[in-house]
Amino acid sequence: WFPTSFMPEFIQHLSKLTIVYWAIEGFIQVLWANCTTRELLPILGILFGIAAVVNAFSVWRFNHGHIFD
């Protein structure tokens, strides 16, 4: 793990598009900020949203692609 605050600003913005960023952010909030489940809901929503988009794309790709040819 490398703090995004040490990275250039454009990479800091790009990192927010990754699942790893939000997972680490959730761990930080739980372990160091003592956040409640209610306070974690936005982070959990983003994680589930990213998972839903990736899952939908994977199902679409599997159904329309020639993966095993």
Protein backbone atom coordinates (compact mmCIF):
# COMPACT_ATOMS: atom_id res chain seq x y z
CA TRP A 1 0.00 0.00 0.00
CA PHE A 2 1.28 3.44 -0.98
CA PRO A 3 -0.48 6.63 0.15
CA THR A 4 -2.11 8.40 -2.76
CA SER A 5 -1.27 11.73 -1.15
CA PHE A 6 2.33 11.21 -2.32
CA MET A 7 1.24 10.79 -5.94
CA PRO A 8 0.60 13.46 -8.57
CA GLU A 9 -2.86 15.01 -8.46
CA PHE A 10 -4.11 13.39 -11.68
CA ILE A 11 -3.21 9.94 -10.33
CA GLN A 12 -5.02 10.74 -7.09
CA HIS A 13 -8.17 11.34 -9.13
CA LEU A 14 -7.66 8.19 -11.23
CA SER A 15 -7.10 6.05 -8.15
CA LYS A 16 -10.67 6.74 -7.04
CA LEU A 17 -11.86 4.63 -9.98
CA THR A 18 -10.32 1.46 -8.54
CA ILE A 19 -11.72 -1.10 -6.13
CA VAL A 20 -8.44 -1.17 -4.21
CA TYR A 21 -8.69 2.52 -3.31
CA TRP A 22 -12.17 2.12 -1.84
CA ALA A 23 -11.33 -1.13 -0.03
CA ILE A 24 -8.29 0.47 1.61
CA GLU A 25 -10.34 3.58 2.41
CA GLY A 26 -12.90 1.36 4.13
CA PHE A 27 -10.22 -0.43 6.15
CA ILE A 28 -8.71 2.91 7.18
CA GLN A 29 -12.10 4.21 8.30
CA VAL A 30 -12.80 1.08 10.36
CA LEU A 31 -9.37 0.57 11.90
CA TRP A 32 -8.21 4.13 12.55
CA ALA A 33 -11.25 6.38 12.45
CA ASN A 34 -13.58 3.99 14.36
CA CYS A 35 -16.39 4.59 11.88
CA THR A 36 -19.75 2.97 12.36
CA THR A 37 -21.48 0.85 9.74
CA ARG A 38 -23.71 3.78 8.86
CA GLU A 39 -20.67 5.95 8.15
CA LEU A 40 -19.25 3.21 5.93
CA LEU A 41 -22.36 2.95 3.75
CA PRO A 42 -21.08 5.34 1.04
CA ILE A 43 -17.85 3.36 0.68
CA LEU A 44 -19.71 0.05 0.69
CA GLY A 45 -22.13 1.43 -1.91
CA ILE A 46 -19.26 2.40 -4.18
CA LEU A 47 -17.65 -1.03 -3.77
CA PHE A 48 -20.92 -2.82 -4.55
CA GLY A 49 -21.54 -0.47 -7.48
CA ILE A 50 -18.14 -1.18 -9.02
CA ALA A 51 -18.68 -4.91 -8.46
CA ALA A 52 -22.10 -4.75 -10.15
CA VAL A 53 -20.71 -2.92 -13.19
CA VAL A 54 -17.79 -5.34 -13.56
CA ASN A 55 -20.10 -8.32 -13.10
CA ALA A 56 -22.58 -7.02 -15.70
CA PHE A 57 -19.77 -6.45 -18.19
CA SER A 58 -18.37 -9.92 -17.52
CA VAL A 59 -21.73 -11.61 -18.08
CA TRP A 60 -22.27 -9.60 -21.28
CA ARG A 61 -18.78 -10.46 -22.52
CA PHE A 62 -19.25 -14.14 -21.69
CA ASN A 63 -22.60 -14.30 -23.51
CA HIS A 64 -21.52 -12.38 -26.63
CA GLY A 65 -17.89 -13.35 -26.90
CA HIS A 66 -16.06 -16.33 -28.26
CA ILE A 67 -14.15 -17.09 -25.10
CA PHE A 68 -13.74 -20.85 -25.49
CA ASP A 69 -13.34 -21.10 -29.29
